[in-house]
Amino acid sequence: MATITAKIQIYVPRADAENLKITASTYRRTCNWLSEKVFHTKELNQSKLNNLYYYEIRGIFGLKSQMAQSAMKTVIAKYKAAKSNGHPWTQIEFKRPEYDLVWNRDYSLHQDLFSVNTLGGRLKFRFEKKAMTRYFDATWTFGTAKLIHKSGKWFLHIPMTKEFAELDLSDVNHVVGVDLGINFLATTYDSRGKTAFYSGREVKHKRGQYKALRKQLQVKQTSASRKRIKAVGSRENRYVTDVNHQVTKALVEQYPLGTCFVLEDLSSVRHATERVRVKDRYVQVSWAFYQFRQMLEYKAGLNGQKVMTGYTSQTCPKCGHREKNNRNKKLHIFCCKQCHYTSNDDRIGAMNLHRTGLEAIRIGATPA
């Protein structure tokens, strides 16, 4: 099963904009009111919250029945997410006007129109159809969407789910080791013995510019500069997401049905970056490796391919000799101290991941 989020723009006429704003603003105020209750009671059971606050919510804010239920789910989900991520128990604030919509109750989406339930009745709008065309078939399931008002525009974020049969190891006919990094975003080594490098030079330069711009703005310490810092951060996040999307799309389209991609285990990437100098840590640690893996997993799954994880090491892929000094991190060179096989260290990582995949196929088990 794969779940991705489709993000589309909704075109709202001026005559209906106020109605939608009032609905989203009321929903946000409801979430903040309920968030305060949850913070003090620490109650995250929806049935109990429903018994305690359902009629009060409807009486104070005038929400319809389904809207009240959705607001409870939204607040519960935020607190549970914060708890699972290890954050301390603090009161969560909902700042942006938004509205969570249940499919076929609060909203529906057809080839031409987006229909949404508001406090002033049901409204219908045009939407940007280009991004949604491929989802209008029976294989995709629409989830609870989020309607967001940002920079004077309206957007709909819809989780789209599709069932697919996971590729069995016995059906794998091609293995690709994928080493992730900074100088090269991805380095691949496949079953045909071919190596490919996806350069990170432009990305590194671009993110350096974002970092320098934020540093300049932080010095000003004004409300305008803080707003600008937030906008720059959002722009950088979109840029990172787009780069990951392009690279993962290229990988999936390059290789045939039955391919198994072997990525480096994320924990080893994290431990490696913990040893990086503080001044270099922003570039090393903050790249979205986990997002890359998620994107590759769902795209590969939809394309009859598979993703598993393994570990790179200081092992020589030619003679098997393992030694820490085989790798020169400063020069990005791997030179085996025994057989003297020499190559780029990222390529060696991809070769070792490729070997991990081959071993997994042979014994019929996914590596840890």
Protein backbone atom coordinates (compact mmCIF):
# COMPACT_ATOMS: atom_id res chain seq x y z
CA MET A 1 0.00 0.00 0.00
CA ALA A 2 1.25 3.49 -0.87
CA THR A 3 -0.04 6.81 0.45
CA ILE A 4 0.98 10.11 -1.07
CA THR A 5 -0.35 13.62 -0.57
CA ALA A 6 -1.76 15.42 -3.59
CA LYS A 7 -1.56 19.21 -3.22
CA ILE A 8 -3.86 21.25 -5.46
CA GLN A 9 -4.98 24.86 -5.65
CA ILE A 10 -8.67 25.71 -5.24
CA TYR A 11 -10.04 28.73 -7.12
CA VAL A 12 -12.39 30.57 -4.77
CA PRO A 13 -14.48 33.50 -6.13
CA ARG A 14 -14.52 36.66 -4.02
CA ALA A 15 -18.23 36.21 -3.31
CA ASP A 16 -17.54 32.89 -1.52
CA ALA A 17 -14.15 33.68 0.01
CA GLU A 18 -15.56 35.21 3.20
CA ASN A 19 -17.76 32.16 3.88
CA LEU A 20 -14.75 29.87 3.51
CA LYS A 21 -12.58 32.13 5.68
CA ILE A 22 -15.17 32.16 8.45
CA THR A 23 -15.45 28.36 8.36
CA ALA A 24 -11.68 27.81 8.45
CA SER A 25 -11.18 30.45 11.16
CA THR A 26 -13.97 28.97 13.30
CA TYR A 27 -12.50 25.50 12.89
CA ARG A 28 -9.08 26.82 14.00
CA ARG A 29 -10.57 28.55 17.05
CA THR A 30 -12.40 25.34 17.95
CA CYS A 31 -9.14 23.37 17.74
CA ASN A 32 -7.37 25.89 19.99
CA TRP A 33 -10.23 25.82 22.52
CA LEU A 34 -10.18 22.03 22.60
CA SER A 35 -6.37 21.95 22.66
CA GLU A 36 -6.42 23.87 25.96
CA LYS A 37 -8.83 21.28 27.42
CA VAL A 38 -6.66 18.39 26.24
CA PHE A 39 -3.51 20.02 27.58
CA HIS A 40 -4.95 20.22 31.09
CA THR A 41 -6.80 16.86 31.12
CA LYS A 42 -4.29 14.89 29.02
CA GLU A 43 -7.31 13.08 27.58
CA LEU A 44 -6.70 11.73 24.04
CA ASN A 45 -9.61 9.29 23.75
CA GLN A 46 -12.09 10.62 21.18
CA SER A 47 -15.08 8.88 22.71
CA LYS A 48 -14.40 10.51 26.08
CA LEU A 49 -13.71 13.91 24.52
CA ASN A 50 -16.95 13.57 22.60
CA ASN A 51 -18.89 12.95 25.82
CA LEU A 52 -17.20 15.88 27.54
CA TYR A 53 -17.18 18.60 24.88
CA TYR A 54 -19.29 17.72 21.81
CA TYR A 55 -22.37 19.76 22.68
CA GLU A 56 -20.27 22.56 24.14
CA ILE A 57 -18.30 22.83 20.90
CA ARG A 58 -21.46 22.97 18.83
CA GLY A 59 -23.04 25.52 21.15
CA ILE A 60 -20.04 27.87 21.38
CA PHE A 61 -18.75 27.71 17.81
CA GLY A 62 -21.84 26.65 15.85
CA LEU A 63 -20.02 23.82 14.08
CA LYS A 64 -22.00 21.13 12.33
CA SER A 65 -21.83 17.60 13.70
CA GLN A 66 -19.15 16.28 11.35
CA MET A 67 -17.05 19.43 11.76
CA ALA A 68 -17.07 19.00 15.55
CA GLN A 69 -15.92 15.39 15.20
CA SER A 70 -13.20 16.38 12.75
CA ALA A 71 -11.90 19.09 15.10
CA MET A 72 -11.51 16.48 17.86
CA LYS A 73 -9.61 14.16 15.53
CA THR A 74 -7.34 17.02 14.43
CA VAL A 75 -6.39 17.96 18.00
CA ILE A 76 -5.89 14.35 19.08
CA ALA A 77 -3.66 13.64 16.07
CA LYS A 78 -1.46 16.69 16.80
CA TYR A 79 -0.88 15.68 20.43
CA LYS A 80 -0.22 12.05 19.54
CA ALA A 81 2.25 13.05 16.84
CA ALA A 82 4.11 15.33 19.26
CA LYS A 83 4.18 12.58 21.87
CA SER A 84 5.49 9.95 19.44
CA ASN A 85 8.23 12.34 18.30
CA GLY A 86 9.45 12.71 21.89
CA HIS A 87 8.33 16.31 22.42
CA PRO A 88 7.49 17.44 25.98
CA TRP A 89 3.81 17.79 26.89
CA THR A 90 3.06 21.40 25.94
CA GLN A 91 -0.10 23.09 24.75
CA ILE A 92 -0.40 22.94 20.97
CA GLU A 93 -1.51 26.09 19.16
CA PHE A 94 -3.20 26.12 15.76
CA LYS A 95 -2.09 29.32 14.03
CA ARG A 96 -3.05 28.91 10.39
CA PRO A 97 -6.71 28.90 9.25
CA GLU A 98 -7.36 25.33 8.15
CA TYR A 99 -10.16 22.79 7.95
CA ASP A 100 -9.95 18.97 7.97
CA LEU A 101 -12.42 17.41 5.54
CA VAL A 102 -13.79 13.87 5.58
CA TRP A 103 -14.20 12.33 2.13
CA ASN A 104 -17.82 12.14 0.91
CA ARG A 105 -19.03 13.98 4.02
CA ASP A 106 -17.22 17.31 4.17
CA TYR A 107 -15.92 17.25 0.63
CA SER A 108 -16.06 15.51 -2.72
CA LEU A 109 -13.93 15.91 -5.81
CA HIS A 110 -14.96 15.13 -9.35
CA GLN A 111 -13.45 15.78 -12.76
CA ASP A 112 -14.64 19.39 -12.81
CA LEU A 113 -15.58 20.59 -9.31
CA PHE A 114 -14.52 20.53 -5.67
CA SER A 115 -17.51 20.50 -3.30
CA VAL A 116 -17.04 21.48 0.34
CA ASN A 117 -19.34 21.77 3.36
CA THR A 118 -19.12 25.17 5.13
CA LEU A 119 -20.96 26.93 7.96
CA GLY A 120 -22.94 28.77 5.28
CA GLY A 121 -23.85 25.63 3.33
CA ARG A 122 -22.19 23.55 0.62
CA LEU A 123 -20.05 25.39 -1.93
CA LYS A 124 -18.50 24.27 -5.22
CA PHE A 125 -15.26 25.54 -6.73
CA ARG A 126 -12.99 24.93 -9.66
CA PHE A 127 -9.58 23.45 -8.91
CA GLU A 128 -6.22 22.87 -10.58
CA LYS A 129 -6.94 19.57 -12.34
CA LYS A 130 -3.51 18.88 -13.81
CA ALA A 131 -2.11 17.40 -10.59
CA MET A 132 -5.20 15.27 -9.96
CA THR A 133 -5.87 13.66 -13.36
CA ARG A 134 -4.06 10.39 -12.64
CA TYR A 135 -5.97 9.83 -9.37
CA PHE A 136 -9.44 9.73 -10.92
CA ASP A 137 -9.71 5.97 -11.24
CA ALA A 138 -11.00 3.22 -8.98
CA THR A 139 -7.51 2.18 -7.79
CA TRP A 140 -6.99 5.30 -5.64
CA THR A 141 -8.77 5.98 -2.32
CA PHE A 142 -9.30 9.56 -1.12
CA GLY A 143 -8.51 10.25 2.55
CA THR A 144 -9.28 13.04 5.02
CA ALA A 145 -8.09 16.21 3.32
CA LYS A 146 -6.86 19.50 4.76
CA LEU A 147 -8.07 22.82 3.36
CA ILE A 148 -5.44 25.52 3.91
CA HIS A 149 -5.51 29.29 3.41
CA LYS A 150 -2.03 30.62 2.70
CA SER A 151 -0.78 33.86 1.12
CA GLY A 152 -4.29 34.75 -0.02
CA LYS A 153 -4.76 31.43 -1.83
CA TRP A 154 -6.63 28.22 -1.01
CA PHE A 155 -5.01 24.79 -1.22
CA LEU A 156 -6.28 21.27 -0.67
CA HIS A 157 -3.93 18.54 0.63
CA ILE A 158 -5.41 15.10 -0.01
CA PRO A 159 -3.88 11.79 1.15
CA MET A 160 -4.22 9.36 -1.77
CA THR A 161 -3.89 5.63 -1.05
CA LYS A 162 -3.41 2.79 -3.50
CA GLU A 163 -3.09 -0.92 -2.82
CA PHE A 164 -0.37 -2.84 -4.63
CA ALA A 165 1.19 -6.26 -4.34
CA GLU A 166 4.62 -6.01 -2.73
CA LEU A 167 7.40 -7.46 -4.86
CA ASP A 168 8.62 -10.76 -3.45
CA LEU A 169 12.37 -11.35 -3.19
CA SER A 170 12.02 -14.42 -5.40
CA ASP A 171 10.77 -12.16 -8.21
CA VAL A 172 13.66 -9.67 -8.01
CA ASN A 173 15.68 -9.67 -11.23
CA HIS A 174 17.80 -6.56 -10.80
CA VAL A 175 19.53 -5.00 -7.76
CA VAL A 176 20.61 -1.37 -7.38
CA GLY A 177 22.71 -0.16 -4.44
CA VAL A 178 21.94 3.50 -3.63
CA ASP A 179 24.40 5.41 -1.43
CA LEU A 180 23.02 8.75 -0.18
CA GLY A 181 25.22 11.74 0.57
CA ILE A 182 25.82 15.45 0.21
CA ASN A 183 28.47 15.88 -2.52
CA PHE A 184 26.52 13.29 -4.47
CA LEU A 185 22.86 13.16 -3.47
CA ALA A 186 22.74 9.57 -4.69
CA THR A 187 25.35 7.21 -6.09
CA THR A 188 24.11 3.98 -7.67
CA TYR A 189 25.70 0.68 -8.62
CA ASP A 190 23.52 -1.86 -10.42
CA SER A 191 23.55 -5.51 -11.54
CA ARG A 192 24.95 -4.52 -14.94
CA GLY A 193 28.05 -3.12 -13.20
CA LYS A 194 27.13 0.46 -14.07
CA THR A 195 27.65 3.41 -11.71
CA ALA A 196 25.71 6.68 -11.78
CA PHE A 197 26.31 9.85 -9.76
CA TYR A 198 23.58 12.41 -8.96
CA SER A 199 25.55 15.56 -8.17
CA GLY A 200 24.72 17.59 -5.08
CA ARG A 201 26.95 20.57 -5.93
CA GLU A 202 24.11 22.84 -7.10
CA VAL A 203 21.94 21.82 -4.16
CA LYS A 204 24.75 22.46 -1.68
CA HIS A 205 25.32 25.92 -3.18
CA LYS A 206 21.62 26.76 -3.16
CA ARG A 207 21.17 25.72 0.47
CA GLY A 208 24.25 27.72 1.42
CA GLN A 209 22.53 30.78 -0.05
CA TYR A 210 19.38 30.09 1.97
CA LYS A 211 21.44 29.74 5.14
CA ALA A 212 23.32 33.00 4.52
CA LEU A 213 20.07 34.85 3.83
CA ARG A 214 18.50 33.60 7.06
CA LYS A 215 21.61 34.66 9.00
CA GLN A 216 21.35 38.20 7.57
CA LEU A 217 17.66 38.41 8.47
CA GLN A 218 18.21 37.10 12.01
CA VAL A 219 20.50 40.05 12.75
CA LYS A 220 17.68 42.54 12.07
CA GLN A 221 15.38 41.16 14.81
CA THR A 222 12.22 42.75 13.36
CA SER A 223 8.75 41.31 12.80
CA ALA A 224 9.25 41.73 9.05
CA SER A 225 12.57 39.87 9.14
CA ARG A 226 11.06 37.02 11.18
CA LYS A 227 8.24 36.72 8.67
CA ARG A 228 10.81 36.70 5.88
CA ILE A 229 12.86 33.97 7.64
CA LYS A 230 9.76 31.79 7.79
CA ALA A 231 9.10 32.35 4.08
CA VAL A 232 12.71 31.49 3.20
CA GLY A 233 12.46 28.29 5.24
CA SER A 234 9.28 27.28 3.42
CA ARG A 235 10.93 27.98 0.07
CA GLU A 236 13.94 25.84 0.99
CA ASN A 237 11.67 22.98 2.12
CA ARG A 238 9.85 23.08 -1.21
CA TYR A 239 13.19 23.07 -3.03
CA VAL A 240 14.46 20.05 -1.06
CA THR A 241 11.20 18.18 -1.67
CA ASP A 242 11.36 18.91 -5.40
CA VAL A 243 14.97 17.68 -5.64
CA ASN A 244 14.13 14.45 -3.81
CA HIS A 245 11.13 13.99 -6.07
CA GLN A 246 13.21 14.43 -9.23
CA VAL A 247 15.98 12.04 -8.15
CA THR A 248 13.62 9.29 -6.93
CA LYS A 249 11.51 9.62 -10.07
CA ALA A 250 14.62 9.28 -12.24
CA LEU A 251 15.72 6.14 -10.34
CA VAL A 252 12.35 4.41 -10.63
CA GLU A 253 11.94 5.22 -14.33
CA GLN A 254 15.48 4.15 -15.18
CA TYR A 255 15.15 0.56 -13.95
CA PRO A 256 12.72 -2.21 -14.96
CA LEU A 257 9.93 -4.07 -13.19
CA GLY A 258 11.42 -6.43 -10.58
CA THR A 259 14.20 -4.07 -9.45
CA CYS A 260 15.22 -3.97 -5.79
CA PHE A 261 16.78 -0.72 -4.52
CA VAL A 262 19.04 -1.11 -1.46
CA LEU A 263 19.45 2.09 0.57
CA GLU A 264 21.83 2.71 3.43
CA ASP A 265 20.13 2.29 6.81
CA LEU A 266 19.05 5.75 8.02
CA SER A 267 20.49 5.27 11.50
CA SER A 268 23.99 4.96 10.08
CA VAL A 269 23.51 8.24 8.20
CA ARG A 270 22.40 9.90 11.45
CA HIS A 271 25.31 8.54 13.49
CA ALA A 272 27.77 9.63 10.81
CA THR A 273 26.46 13.20 10.82
CA GLU A 274 26.69 13.39 14.62
CA ARG A 275 30.47 13.27 14.18
CA VAL A 276 30.48 16.23 11.77
CA ARG A 277 31.90 19.59 12.91
CA VAL A 278 29.19 21.91 14.26
CA LYS A 279 29.77 24.56 11.58
CA ASP A 280 29.22 21.94 8.85
CA ARG A 281 26.35 20.15 10.54
CA TYR A 282 23.53 22.15 8.91
CA VAL A 283 24.44 20.92 5.43
CA GLN A 284 25.15 17.36 6.54
CA VAL A 285 22.35 16.68 9.03
CA SER A 286 19.41 18.60 7.68
CA TRP A 287 19.10 16.94 4.27
CA ALA A 288 15.83 15.01 4.04
CA PHE A 289 17.19 11.45 3.77
CA TYR A 290 14.03 9.98 5.35
CA GLN A 291 11.83 11.86 2.88
CA PHE A 292 13.98 10.49 0.04
CA ARG A 293 13.41 6.95 1.26
CA GLN A 294 9.65 7.47 1.63
CA MET A 295 9.39 8.85 -1.89
CA LEU A 296 11.42 6.02 -3.37
CA GLU A 297 9.40 3.40 -1.47
CA TYR A 298 5.99 4.48 -2.72
CA LYS A 299 7.15 5.16 -6.28
CA ALA A 300 8.96 1.82 -6.47
CA GLY A 301 5.93 0.02 -5.03
CA LEU A 302 3.63 1.52 -7.64
CA ASN A 303 6.11 0.54 -10.36
CA GLY A 304 6.48 -3.14 -9.39
CA GLN A 305 9.79 -2.55 -7.62
CA LYS A 306 11.05 -2.85 -4.04
CA VAL A 307 13.15 -0.95 -1.49
CA MET A 308 15.17 -2.48 1.35
CA THR A 309 17.94 -1.21 3.62
CA GLY A 310 21.47 -2.37 4.35
CA TYR A 311 24.77 -1.04 5.63
CA THR A 312 27.83 0.37 3.90
CA SER A 313 31.20 -0.33 5.45
CA GLN A 314 34.95 -0.04 5.01
CA THR A 315 34.88 -3.42 3.24
CA CYS A 316 36.60 -3.75 -0.13
CA PRO A 317 34.04 -5.01 -2.69
CA LYS A 318 36.81 -6.80 -4.62
CA CYS A 319 38.77 -8.78 -2.00
CA GLY A 320 36.56 -8.42 1.08
CA HIS A 321 39.29 -6.85 3.24
CA ARG A 322 37.74 -4.59 5.89
CA GLU A 323 39.69 -1.78 7.49
CA LYS A 324 38.82 1.71 8.66
CA ASN A 325 41.83 3.19 6.89
CA ASN A 326 40.55 1.92 3.54
CA ARG A 327 38.52 5.12 3.28
CA ASN A 328 39.86 8.68 3.11
CA LYS A 329 36.84 10.85 3.93
CA LYS A 330 38.56 14.15 3.21
CA LEU A 331 39.51 13.14 -0.32
CA HIS A 332 36.39 10.95 -0.80
CA ILE A 333 38.64 8.11 -1.93
CA PHE A 334 38.52 4.43 -1.04
CA CYS A 335 41.80 2.55 -1.37
CA CYS A 336 41.99 -1.05 -0.14
CA LYS A 337 45.06 -1.54 2.04
CA GLN A 338 45.31 -5.17 0.92
CA CYS A 339 44.55 -5.36 -2.82
CA HIS A 340 44.87 -1.60 -3.49
CA TYR A 341 41.54 -1.39 -5.33
CA THR A 342 40.77 2.34 -5.57
CA SER A 343 37.55 4.21 -6.32
CA ASN A 344 35.24 7.00 -5.15
CA ASP A 345 34.06 6.22 -1.60
CA ASP A 346 30.38 6.84 -2.44
CA ARG A 347 30.66 4.36 -5.31
CA ILE A 348 32.14 1.80 -2.91
CA GLY A 349 29.17 2.39 -0.60
CA ALA A 350 26.76 1.73 -3.46
CA MET A 351 28.69 -1.43 -4.44
CA ASN A 352 28.49 -2.77 -0.89
CA LEU A 353 24.76 -2.06 -0.74
CA HIS A 354 24.35 -3.85 -4.06
CA ARG A 355 26.14 -6.87 -2.61
CA THR A 356 23.84 -6.75 0.45
CA GLY A 357 20.84 -6.93 -1.87
CA LEU A 358 22.27 -9.90 -3.77
CA GLU A 359 22.91 -11.76 -0.50
CA ALA A 360 19.35 -11.05 0.67
CA ILE A 361 17.93 -12.50 -2.54
CA ARG A 362 20.09 -15.59 -2.21
CA ILE A 363 18.91 -16.38 1.35
CA GLY A 364 15.40 -15.01 0.79
CA ALA A 365 15.45 -12.55 3.68
CA THR A 366 15.44 -8.76 3.97
CA PRO A 367 18.57 -7.39 5.67
CA ALA A 368 18.09 -5.54 8.95
